[in-house]
Amino acid sequence: MVVRSFRHIHWFNINELNQLKKMSSQISNIMSLDDHVTKINLAKSKVKISIFEMAEAITNAINQLENRQTELANKLGMSKGTLSKWLSIGSSNSLISVKRSAPTSFDSLYQLSALDNQYQKYFGKEKGSKNFLKLFESKKITSSSQRKDVIKFLKLHKNRINKKENTKVEKLNEPKINSEIKLKVLVKSKLFFNTIIVIPSNDQLNKWCKFGSIEDINNDYPIKSLENIDKNIFQQCLIKVKAKNIDIAIICLKSWGFNYDKILIPTQPKKGLVEVALEFVLIIGSKGNLKNNEFILKSNKTIDLIEYAQKTGAKPFLFIGEVLTTKNWIYCID
């Protein structure tokens, strides 16, 4: 009897379990549309949380494991490009601060991190982050936004940059009153300049190389006579030469009364040491109260040299070596 009873109980429990499973299945089948949507959105939210956790974990790893990014990518079974995308998301503090309102897909999050980065480069860190967060505050970007929605803002920002660059070119090409003055006239007029850009000719460089003393350069080309007598005012001189002429450019700075500060060179596409003798570089010297700046010189083109000098220096401005039509600049080419 005990055995039968045991078998009977065992059979009943199995049936009960099957019924419970069947009931559970029935309950699932009679869920409303809204119930299903709620359940799916909950799952999506978990996916998004996992993406941010993984992005932050990868970012922390890369920050701690210096120069081992390739090794980390291999260990994780990722390409370097994919790892960089994870790093971009994990490094975007602005995006992380609004992750509850952010989209769910990895691609959308990556595009948003790229947008945040571009905003900060263009507007500055604080203003760029503020403008980025406004997209969420104004509901222009929500948790339902898709990749195409983010791409739209990336394109708008790109158009903003292009429009600004075109405006610069137009301003440079605007006809203006000729502001050319001979150097000798400048010296006699007792004018002074706080920011001077010099692009010496090859003939000038060859001649100055043969001079016996530093003072001879200033005697031949008396830029020192154009200095501001107020020694507390920041003054700078920027000389554009090919890298092979760096030595004579530094001597010129000394002859004209400037202290050598730094050299700006073009970005090199190749890794390691490369030949740059024939590439143009910018030698910068200064005097007076020093100014710290982190501005980046975009290229050695005249328009970019002028923009850099205006950001880092102070009026009055003088450009020696090329004809200009730029407002607030005097130029001489003799």
Protein backbone atom coordinates (compact mmCIF):
# COMPACT_ATOMS: atom_id res chain seq x y z
CA MET A 1 0.00 0.00 0.00
CA VAL A 2 2.83 2.35 0.82
CA VAL A 3 4.39 1.72 -2.53
CA ARG A 4 1.14 2.39 -4.40
CA SER A 5 0.55 5.50 -2.39
CA PHE A 6 4.04 6.66 -3.19
CA ARG A 7 3.54 5.96 -6.88
CA HIS A 8 0.19 7.71 -6.81
CA ILE A 9 1.68 10.84 -5.22
CA HIS A 10 4.59 10.81 -7.65
CA TRP A 11 2.23 10.63 -10.66
CA PHE A 12 0.05 13.41 -9.27
CA ASN A 13 3.00 15.79 -8.78
CA ILE A 14 4.14 15.35 -12.36
CA ASN A 15 0.66 16.11 -13.67
CA GLU A 16 0.42 19.11 -11.43
CA LEU A 17 3.72 20.39 -12.74
CA ASN A 18 2.56 19.95 -16.31
CA GLN A 19 -0.64 21.79 -15.57
CA LEU A 20 1.30 24.65 -14.03
CA LYS A 21 3.42 24.84 -17.15
CA LYS A 22 0.31 24.79 -19.31
CA MET A 23 -1.31 27.53 -17.22
CA SER A 24 1.83 29.62 -17.43
CA SER A 25 1.81 29.22 -21.19
CA GLN A 26 -1.85 30.21 -21.34
CA ILE A 27 -1.24 33.27 -19.18
CA SER A 28 1.59 34.28 -21.53
CA ASN A 29 -0.67 33.81 -24.53
CA ILE A 30 -3.41 36.05 -23.14
CA MET A 31 -1.12 39.00 -22.31
CA SER A 32 -2.34 42.25 -23.81
CA LEU A 33 -0.40 44.26 -26.37
CA ASP A 34 0.55 46.81 -23.72
CA ASP A 35 1.78 44.01 -21.46
CA HIS A 36 4.01 42.72 -24.23
CA VAL A 37 5.34 46.23 -24.95
CA THR A 38 6.12 46.76 -21.27
CA LYS A 39 7.95 43.45 -21.11
CA ILE A 40 9.95 44.18 -24.27
CA ASN A 41 10.85 47.71 -23.14
CA LEU A 42 12.09 46.27 -19.86
CA ALA A 43 14.33 43.90 -21.81
CA LYS A 44 15.56 46.81 -23.97
CA SER A 45 16.41 48.79 -20.85
CA LYS A 46 18.50 45.89 -19.57
CA VAL A 47 20.34 45.76 -22.91
CA LYS A 48 21.14 49.49 -22.71
CA ILE A 49 22.41 49.18 -19.14
CA SER A 50 24.66 46.31 -20.25
CA ILE A 51 26.05 48.38 -23.14
CA PHE A 52 27.01 51.26 -20.84
CA GLU A 53 28.50 48.88 -18.25
CA MET A 54 30.62 47.20 -20.92
CA ALA A 55 31.67 50.55 -22.45
CA GLU A 56 32.78 51.90 -19.07
CA ALA A 57 34.59 48.64 -18.25
CA ILE A 58 36.49 48.76 -21.56
CA THR A 59 37.33 52.45 -21.05
CA ASN A 60 38.70 51.78 -17.56
CA ALA A 61 40.76 48.88 -18.90
CA ILE A 62 42.28 50.95 -21.71
CA ASN A 63 43.09 53.82 -19.33
CA GLN A 64 44.88 51.44 -16.96
CA LEU A 65 46.55 49.20 -19.53
CA GLU A 66 48.67 51.76 -21.37
CA ASN A 67 49.74 50.85 -24.92
CA ARG A 68 48.00 47.45 -24.72
CA GLN A 69 44.85 48.32 -26.66
CA THR A 70 45.64 45.85 -29.47
CA GLU A 71 46.28 43.06 -26.98
CA LEU A 72 43.01 43.84 -25.18
CA ALA A 73 41.07 43.80 -28.47
CA ASN A 74 42.51 40.37 -29.31
CA LYS A 75 41.62 38.99 -25.88
CA LEU A 76 38.05 40.24 -26.25
CA GLY A 77 37.76 38.95 -29.81
CA MET A 78 37.18 42.45 -31.21
CA SER A 79 38.70 44.48 -33.99
CA LYS A 80 40.52 47.67 -32.98
CA GLY A 81 37.80 49.68 -34.72
CA THR A 82 35.06 48.07 -32.64
CA LEU A 83 37.07 48.56 -29.45
CA SER A 84 37.48 52.24 -30.32
CA LYS A 85 33.70 52.59 -30.61
CA TRP A 86 33.22 51.10 -27.15
CA LEU A 87 35.89 53.49 -25.86
CA SER A 88 34.10 56.43 -27.46
CA ILE A 89 30.87 55.59 -25.62
CA GLY A 90 32.62 54.94 -22.30
CA SER A 91 34.59 58.19 -22.55
CA SER A 92 31.56 60.40 -23.19
CA ASN A 93 30.73 61.74 -19.73
CA SER A 94 27.90 63.84 -21.17
CA LEU A 95 26.25 60.77 -22.72
CA ILE A 96 26.72 58.68 -19.58
CA SER A 97 25.03 61.40 -17.50
CA VAL A 98 21.82 61.01 -19.58
CA LYS A 99 21.97 57.27 -20.21
CA ARG A 100 18.42 56.81 -18.87
CA SER A 101 17.14 58.98 -21.74
CA ALA A 102 19.54 57.65 -24.35
CA PRO A 103 18.61 55.28 -27.22
CA THR A 104 19.10 51.54 -26.84
CA SER A 105 21.12 50.49 -29.86
CA PHE A 106 24.90 50.34 -29.75
CA ASP A 107 25.25 52.17 -33.08
CA SER A 108 23.04 55.06 -31.95
CA LEU A 109 25.03 55.40 -28.74
CA TYR A 110 28.30 55.42 -30.66
CA GLN A 111 27.03 58.13 -33.03
CA LEU A 112 25.91 60.19 -30.01
CA SER A 113 29.35 59.87 -28.40
CA ALA A 114 30.90 61.08 -31.69
CA LEU A 115 28.50 64.05 -31.73
CA ASP A 116 29.41 64.93 -28.13
CA ASN A 117 33.10 64.79 -29.03
CA GLN A 118 32.64 67.04 -32.08
CA TYR A 119 30.59 69.56 -30.10
CA GLN A 120 33.31 69.83 -27.47
CA LYS A 121 36.03 70.29 -30.10
CA TYR A 122 34.06 73.04 -31.82
CA PHE A 123 32.45 74.90 -28.90
CA GLY A 124 34.90 74.03 -26.12
CA LYS A 125 34.46 71.39 -23.42
CA GLU A 126 31.92 73.19 -21.22
CA LYS A 127 29.76 74.79 -23.93
CA GLY A 128 29.98 71.72 -26.15
CA SER A 129 28.69 69.45 -23.37
CA LYS A 130 25.93 71.96 -22.58
CA ASN A 131 24.76 72.05 -26.21
CA PHE A 132 24.84 68.25 -26.36
CA LEU A 133 22.68 67.89 -23.24
CA LYS A 134 20.18 70.41 -24.65
CA LEU A 135 19.29 67.85 -27.32
CA PHE A 136 17.95 65.60 -24.54
CA GLU A 137 16.35 68.39 -22.51
CA SER A 138 14.42 69.57 -25.56
CA LYS A 139 13.44 65.96 -26.42
CA LYS A 140 15.16 66.19 -29.79
CA ILE A 141 16.94 63.00 -28.75
CA THR A 142 15.00 60.44 -26.70
CA SER A 143 15.23 56.78 -25.78
CA SER A 144 13.23 56.04 -28.95
CA SER A 145 15.63 57.89 -31.28
CA GLN A 146 17.31 55.88 -34.00
CA ARG A 147 20.67 56.08 -35.74
CA LYS A 148 19.23 58.23 -38.55
CA ASP A 149 18.04 60.80 -35.99
CA VAL A 150 21.54 61.19 -34.57
CA ILE A 151 23.11 61.30 -38.05
CA LYS A 152 20.86 64.29 -38.80
CA PHE A 153 22.50 66.31 -36.01
CA LEU A 154 25.97 65.20 -37.10
CA LYS A 155 25.22 66.50 -40.61
CA LEU A 156 23.86 69.79 -39.23
CA HIS A 157 27.05 70.27 -37.24
CA LYS A 158 29.21 69.47 -40.26
CA ASN A 159 27.29 72.07 -42.28
CA ARG A 160 27.86 74.59 -39.50
CA ILE A 161 31.63 74.01 -39.68
CA ASN A 162 31.68 74.21 -43.49
CA LYS A 163 29.66 77.43 -43.44
CA LYS A 164 32.12 79.00 -41.01
CA GLU A 165 35.09 77.96 -43.13
CA ASN A 166 33.45 79.36 -46.27
CA THR A 167 32.77 82.64 -44.47
CA LYS A 168 36.45 82.88 -43.55
CA VAL A 169 37.49 82.43 -47.17
CA GLU A 170 34.95 85.01 -48.35
CA LYS A 171 36.20 87.53 -45.82
CA LEU A 172 39.78 86.97 -46.92
CA ASN A 173 38.75 87.54 -50.53
CA GLU A 174 36.79 90.70 -49.84
CA PRO A 175 38.36 93.76 -51.47
CA LYS A 176 39.84 96.00 -48.79
CA ILE A 177 41.97 99.10 -48.61
CA ASN A 178 45.56 98.25 -49.45
CA SER A 179 47.39 97.99 -46.14
CA GLU A 180 50.89 97.36 -47.50
CA ILE A 181 53.62 99.45 -45.91
CA LYS A 182 57.35 99.11 -46.49
CA LEU A 183 59.35 97.91 -43.49
CA LYS A 184 61.52 101.02 -43.52
CA VAL A 185 58.40 103.18 -43.43
CA LEU A 186 57.06 101.16 -40.48
CA VAL A 187 60.30 101.66 -38.58
CA LYS A 188 60.37 105.42 -39.25
CA SER A 189 56.71 105.80 -38.27
CA LYS A 190 57.48 104.45 -34.77
CA LEU A 191 54.60 101.95 -35.08
CA PHE A 192 54.73 98.86 -32.89
CA PHE A 193 53.21 95.38 -33.24
CA ASN A 194 52.41 92.79 -30.61
CA THR A 195 51.96 89.93 -33.09
CA ILE A 196 54.19 89.43 -36.12
CA ILE A 197 54.15 86.62 -38.69
CA VAL A 198 57.23 86.35 -40.90
CA ILE A 199 57.58 84.21 -44.04
CA PRO A 200 61.13 84.91 -45.21
CA SER A 201 62.10 84.33 -48.83
CA ASN A 202 64.80 81.84 -49.80
CA ASP A 203 67.07 84.75 -50.77
CA GLN A 204 66.68 86.29 -47.31
CA LEU A 205 67.40 82.99 -45.57
CA ASN A 206 70.49 82.36 -47.70
CA LYS A 207 71.76 85.86 -46.98
CA TRP A 208 71.13 85.69 -43.22
CA CYS A 209 72.90 82.32 -43.01
CA LYS A 210 76.12 84.02 -44.11
CA PHE A 211 76.03 86.80 -41.49
CA GLY A 212 78.74 86.68 -38.86
CA SER A 213 76.72 87.73 -35.81
CA ILE A 214 73.15 87.56 -34.54
CA GLU A 215 72.80 91.36 -34.60
CA ASP A 216 73.52 91.45 -38.35
CA ILE A 217 70.10 89.98 -39.15
CA ASN A 218 68.26 92.75 -37.31
CA ASN A 219 70.53 95.37 -38.89
CA ASP A 220 69.54 94.03 -42.31
CA TYR A 221 65.85 93.55 -41.41
CA PRO A 222 65.06 95.64 -38.29
CA ILE A 223 61.97 93.93 -36.93
CA LYS A 224 63.22 94.58 -33.39
CA SER A 225 62.48 98.27 -33.99
CA LEU A 226 58.77 97.38 -34.16
CA GLU A 227 58.56 96.00 -30.61
CA ASN A 228 56.18 97.37 -27.99
CA ILE A 229 58.18 99.35 -25.43
CA ASP A 230 55.88 98.06 -22.69
CA LYS A 231 57.83 94.97 -21.64
CA ASN A 232 54.86 93.58 -19.70
CA ILE A 233 52.71 93.19 -22.82
CA PHE A 234 52.77 89.74 -24.39
CA GLN A 235 54.39 89.87 -27.83
CA GLN A 236 55.02 87.02 -30.23
CA CYS A 237 56.76 86.35 -33.52
CA LEU A 238 55.84 83.38 -35.71
CA ILE A 239 58.26 82.36 -38.48
CA LYS A 240 57.21 79.92 -41.21
CA VAL A 241 60.16 78.10 -42.78
CA LYS A 242 61.03 74.65 -44.07
CA ALA A 243 62.34 72.35 -41.35
CA LYS A 244 65.85 72.47 -42.82
CA ASN A 245 65.97 76.19 -41.93
CA ILE A 246 64.94 75.84 -38.28
CA ASP A 247 68.40 76.92 -37.09
CA ILE A 248 68.41 80.24 -38.93
CA ALA A 249 64.78 80.91 -37.87
CA ILE A 250 65.73 80.54 -34.19
CA ILE A 251 68.68 82.91 -34.73
CA CYS A 252 66.25 85.41 -36.31
CA LEU A 253 64.07 85.28 -33.19
CA LYS A 254 67.06 86.08 -31.01
CA SER A 255 68.21 88.89 -33.31
CA TRP A 256 64.73 90.47 -33.17
CA GLY A 257 64.56 90.23 -29.37
CA PHE A 258 62.29 87.21 -28.95
CA ASN A 259 62.84 84.14 -26.81
CA TYR A 260 62.40 80.84 -28.61
CA ASP A 261 59.28 79.02 -27.33
CA LYS A 262 58.31 76.09 -29.53
CA ILE A 263 58.05 74.49 -32.96
CA LEU A 264 54.78 73.36 -34.54
CA ILE A 265 55.13 70.60 -37.13
CA PRO A 266 52.59 68.92 -39.44
CA THR A 267 50.90 65.67 -38.39
CA GLN A 268 52.92 62.75 -39.69
CA PRO A 269 51.00 59.87 -41.37
CA LYS A 270 53.78 57.38 -40.66
CA LYS A 271 54.81 56.04 -37.27
CA GLY A 272 58.37 56.44 -36.04
CA LEU A 273 61.01 58.95 -37.09
CA VAL A 274 60.48 60.47 -40.52
CA GLU A 275 62.26 62.96 -42.79
CA VAL A 276 60.69 66.45 -42.51
CA ALA A 277 63.44 68.67 -43.94
CA LEU A 278 61.29 69.94 -46.82
CA GLU A 279 58.07 70.35 -44.82
CA PHE A 280 57.00 73.77 -43.56
CA VAL A 281 57.08 74.26 -39.80
CA LEU A 282 56.26 77.19 -37.54
CA ILE A 283 58.88 78.56 -35.14
CA ILE A 284 57.37 80.65 -32.33
CA GLY A 285 59.11 83.12 -30.06
CA SER A 286 57.77 85.55 -27.48
CA LYS A 287 58.57 88.20 -24.89
CA GLY A 288 56.67 89.98 -22.13
CA ASN A 289 54.16 88.23 -19.89
CA LEU A 290 53.79 84.70 -21.20
CA LYS A 291 50.37 83.32 -22.16
CA ASN A 292 49.45 79.65 -21.93
CA ASN A 293 47.34 78.43 -24.82
CA GLU A 294 46.17 75.07 -26.09
CA PHE A 295 44.99 76.20 -29.50
CA ILE A 296 45.74 73.91 -32.42
CA LEU A 297 47.17 75.22 -35.70
CA LYS A 298 45.10 73.51 -38.41
CA SER A 299 47.67 73.85 -41.21
CA ASN A 300 50.48 76.07 -42.52
CA LYS A 301 48.08 77.89 -44.86
CA THR A 302 47.99 81.67 -44.48
CA ILE A 303 44.34 81.72 -43.39
CA ASP A 304 45.10 79.27 -40.57
CA LEU A 305 48.29 81.07 -39.52
CA ILE A 306 46.28 84.29 -39.19
CA GLU A 307 43.51 82.60 -37.21
CA TYR A 308 46.04 80.99 -34.86
CA ALA A 309 47.95 84.25 -34.36
CA GLN A 310 44.75 86.16 -33.58
CA LYS A 311 43.72 83.58 -30.98
CA THR A 312 47.11 83.37 -29.30
CA GLY A 313 48.35 86.95 -29.67
CA ALA A 314 47.17 90.54 -29.45
CA LYS A 315 46.73 93.53 -31.77
CA PRO A 316 48.34 95.27 -33.62
CA PHE A 317 49.06 92.55 -36.20
CA LEU A 318 51.80 92.54 -38.86
CA PHE A 319 52.32 89.98 -41.64
CA ILE A 320 55.68 90.01 -43.44
CA GLY A 321 56.21 88.11 -46.68
CA GLU A 322 52.80 87.88 -48.37
CA VAL A 323 50.09 90.17 -49.70
CA LEU A 324 47.00 90.22 -47.47
CA THR A 325 43.48 91.59 -47.70
CA THR A 326 42.60 90.66 -44.13
CA LYS A 327 40.99 93.18 -41.82
CA ASN A 328 43.12 94.47 -38.91
CA TRP A 329 46.38 93.28 -40.49
CA ILE A 330 49.19 95.33 -42.02
CA TYR A 331 51.54 93.57 -44.39
CA CYS A 332 54.86 94.23 -46.08
CA ILE A 333 56.74 92.15 -48.64
CA ASP A 334 60.05 93.98 -49.10
